[in-house]
Protein backbone atom coordinates (compact mmCIF):
# COMPACT_ATOMS: atom_id res chain seq x y z
CA MET A 1 -1.99 -21.44 -7.88
CA SER A 2 -1.34 -22.69 -4.44
CA HIS A 3 -2.52 -19.60 -2.31
CA PRO A 4 -6.10 -19.65 -1.75
CA ALA A 5 -6.43 -15.74 -1.13
CA ALA A 6 -4.38 -15.00 -4.23
CA ALA A 7 -6.48 -17.36 -6.24
CA ALA A 8 -9.77 -15.58 -4.90
CA ALA A 9 -8.25 -12.21 -5.58
CA LEU A 10 -7.16 -13.11 -9.09
CA ALA A 11 -10.64 -14.41 -10.02
CA ALA A 12 -12.30 -11.17 -8.48
CA LEU A 13 -9.77 -8.87 -10.22
CA GLN A 14 -10.08 -10.59 -13.57
CA THR A 15 -13.79 -9.51 -13.68
CA ARG A 16 -12.74 -5.84 -13.04
CA ILE A 17 -10.26 -5.56 -16.14
CA GLY A 18 -11.16 -2.53 -18.15
CA GLN A 19 -13.23 -1.06 -15.17
CA GLU A 20 -12.41 2.07 -13.11
CA VAL A 21 -11.26 0.77 -9.70
CA GLN A 22 -10.72 3.91 -7.84
CA VAL A 23 -11.11 7.61 -8.05
CA SER A 24 -9.04 9.73 -5.59
CA ASP A 25 -10.17 12.77 -3.63
CA TRP A 26 -9.02 16.26 -5.01
CA LEU A 27 -5.60 17.33 -3.86
CA PRO A 28 -4.41 20.90 -4.01
CA ILE A 29 -0.86 21.36 -5.34
CA MET A 30 0.67 24.17 -3.29
CA GLN A 31 3.99 25.99 -3.80
CA GLU A 32 5.30 24.36 -0.46
CA ARG A 33 4.87 20.85 -2.00
CA VAL A 34 6.70 21.96 -5.13
CA ASP A 35 9.48 23.49 -3.07
CA ALA A 36 9.79 20.51 -0.97
CA PHE A 37 10.07 18.27 -3.93
CA ALA A 38 12.66 20.63 -5.52
CA GLU A 39 14.77 20.32 -2.27
CA ALA A 40 14.51 16.53 -2.27
CA THR A 41 15.28 16.07 -5.85
CA GLY A 42 17.75 18.97 -6.47
CA ASP A 43 15.52 20.29 -9.31
CA HIS A 44 15.33 23.79 -8.59
CA GLN A 45 14.45 25.01 -12.11
CA TRP A 46 12.88 28.52 -11.91
CA ILE A 47 9.69 27.60 -13.63
CA HIS A 48 8.77 25.61 -10.46
CA VAL A 49 10.21 27.45 -7.70
CA ASP A 50 10.60 31.11 -8.81
CA ALA A 51 6.76 32.23 -8.66
CA GLU A 52 7.63 35.81 -9.76
CA ARG A 53 9.80 34.97 -12.51
CA ALA A 54 7.38 32.39 -13.65
CA ARG A 55 4.51 34.84 -13.71
CA ARG A 56 6.78 37.15 -15.76
CA GLU A 57 8.45 34.75 -18.23
CA SER A 58 6.67 31.35 -18.32
CA PRO A 59 4.44 30.44 -21.05
CA PHE A 60 2.11 29.15 -18.26
CA GLY A 61 1.46 32.37 -16.44
CA GLY A 62 3.00 31.14 -13.10
CA PRO A 63 4.96 28.34 -11.47
CA ILE A 64 4.07 24.58 -12.24
CA ALA A 65 4.49 21.44 -10.40
CA HIS A 66 7.58 19.25 -11.53
CA GLY A 67 6.14 16.30 -13.99
CA TYR A 68 7.77 13.86 -11.57
CA LEU A 69 6.09 15.53 -8.63
CA THR A 70 2.69 14.75 -10.15
CA LEU A 71 3.91 11.18 -11.02
CA SER A 72 5.20 10.63 -7.50
CA LEU A 73 1.85 11.30 -6.10
CA LEU A 74 0.25 8.27 -7.75
CA VAL A 75 0.79 5.86 -4.85
CA MET A 76 -0.84 8.41 -2.36
CA LEU A 77 -3.71 8.93 -4.86
CA ARG A 78 -4.16 5.30 -5.20
CA ASP A 79 -4.32 4.77 -1.46
CA LEU A 80 -2.28 1.66 -1.41
CA VAL A 81 -0.97 2.37 2.08
CA ASP A 82 -3.49 -0.01 3.59
CA PRO A 83 -3.57 -2.82 0.78
CA ALA A 84 -5.95 -5.11 2.52
CA LYS A 85 -8.85 -2.67 2.06
CA GLN A 86 -8.08 -2.57 -1.72
CA VAL A 87 -7.77 -6.54 -2.09
CA PRO A 88 -8.74 -8.81 0.83
CA GLY A 89 -5.87 -10.92 2.02
CA VAL A 90 -3.04 -8.80 0.57
CA ARG A 91 -0.18 -8.43 2.96
CA GLN A 92 1.79 -5.98 0.71
CA VAL A 93 1.75 -4.01 -2.44
CA ILE A 94 5.11 -3.42 -4.15
CA ASN A 95 5.68 -0.87 -6.68
CA TYR A 96 7.08 -2.76 -9.72
CA GLY A 97 7.46 0.06 -12.10
CA LEU A 98 5.87 1.86 -15.10
CA ASP A 99 5.09 0.86 -18.59
CA LYS A 100 4.37 4.32 -20.02
CA VAL A 101 4.21 7.81 -18.72
CA ARG A 102 3.06 11.05 -20.59
CA PHE A 103 2.51 14.37 -19.17
CA PRO A 104 0.00 16.08 -21.55
CA ALA A 105 -0.56 19.21 -19.48
CA PRO A 106 1.39 21.17 -16.67
CA VAL A 107 -0.18 21.49 -13.13
CA PRO A 108 -0.17 25.08 -12.21
CA VAL A 109 0.67 25.64 -8.55
CA GLY A 110 -2.50 26.09 -6.58
CA ALA A 111 -4.56 23.77 -8.90
CA ARG A 112 -6.18 20.65 -7.63
CA ILE A 113 -5.67 17.27 -9.09
CA ARG A 114 -7.39 13.92 -8.65
CA ALA A 115 -6.43 10.50 -10.04
CA ARG A 116 -8.65 7.82 -11.79
CA PHE A 117 -7.43 4.16 -12.03
CA VAL A 118 -8.49 1.65 -14.54
CA LEU A 119 -7.39 -2.10 -14.14
CA LEU A 120 -5.58 -3.18 -17.40
CA THR A 121 -4.23 -6.56 -16.43
CA VAL A 122 -3.80 -9.02 -13.67
CA SER A 123 -1.98 -12.33 -13.66
CA GLU A 124 -0.16 -14.67 -11.26
CA LEU A 125 3.45 -13.94 -11.23
CA LYS A 126 4.31 -16.89 -8.93
CA PRO A 127 2.46 -18.70 -6.10
CA GLY A 128 1.00 -16.04 -3.68
CA VAL A 129 1.95 -13.12 -5.79
CA LEU A 130 -0.22 -11.24 -8.40
CA GLN A 131 0.98 -8.65 -10.85
CA ALA A 132 -1.35 -6.00 -11.95
CA THR A 133 -1.22 -3.12 -14.26
CA GLU A 134 -3.48 -0.06 -13.97
CA ARG A 135 -3.79 3.06 -16.08
CA CYS A 136 -3.66 6.15 -13.79
CA THR A 137 -4.97 9.36 -15.26
CA ILE A 138 -4.29 12.46 -13.11
CA GLU A 139 -6.82 15.17 -13.85
CA ILE A 140 -6.42 18.94 -13.27
CA GLU A 141 -9.77 20.40 -11.99
CA GLY A 142 -11.20 22.38 -14.84
CA GLY A 143 -8.48 21.32 -17.18
CA ALA A 144 -8.85 20.26 -20.83
CA LYS A 145 -6.09 17.69 -20.69
CA PRO A 146 -4.82 15.43 -17.87
CA ALA A 147 -1.69 16.16 -16.17
CA CYS A 148 -0.28 12.71 -16.28
CA ILE A 149 -1.14 9.29 -17.78
CA ALA A 150 0.89 6.49 -16.51
CA ASP A 151 0.58 2.44 -16.62
CA SER A 152 1.60 1.56 -13.15
CA VAL A 153 2.68 -2.00 -12.47
CA PHE A 154 2.61 -3.42 -8.97
CA LEU A 155 2.89 -6.67 -7.14
CA LEU A 156 0.18 -8.00 -4.66
CA GLN A 157 1.80 -10.25 -2.09
CA PHE A 158 -0.41 -12.60 -0.21
């Protein structure tokens, strides 16, 4: 490994494998966010955007957030906008993909969610670039099951 900051980060992160590395604040999921996601993606399924019909016909008793909306909030909940505050010396964090995603429970509109992140792996991809995988579990306040469990893979560039 030729990059000193990457080497130091790799050593530090390897000691945290299996540990929770972040817990987000609670985030309310309101109808406006669901409607904006529907508009952005073209997914206007009534179970998400027609609150009255969802109250009458949905098995969930009201509208629910899109599963992919919940998943799309992962980066914001992980707070990777300023990567240097997460890992010293990091210039940029790049979303590299997902290894596995499940949606065990729907998120009712009006519910609050938060995410817990556990570091699963970290390795050197190439000099100055680390690859990390975290298990993200998005909880619903008061819910028995999580809304989403995803293994998120990202690159740390030094």
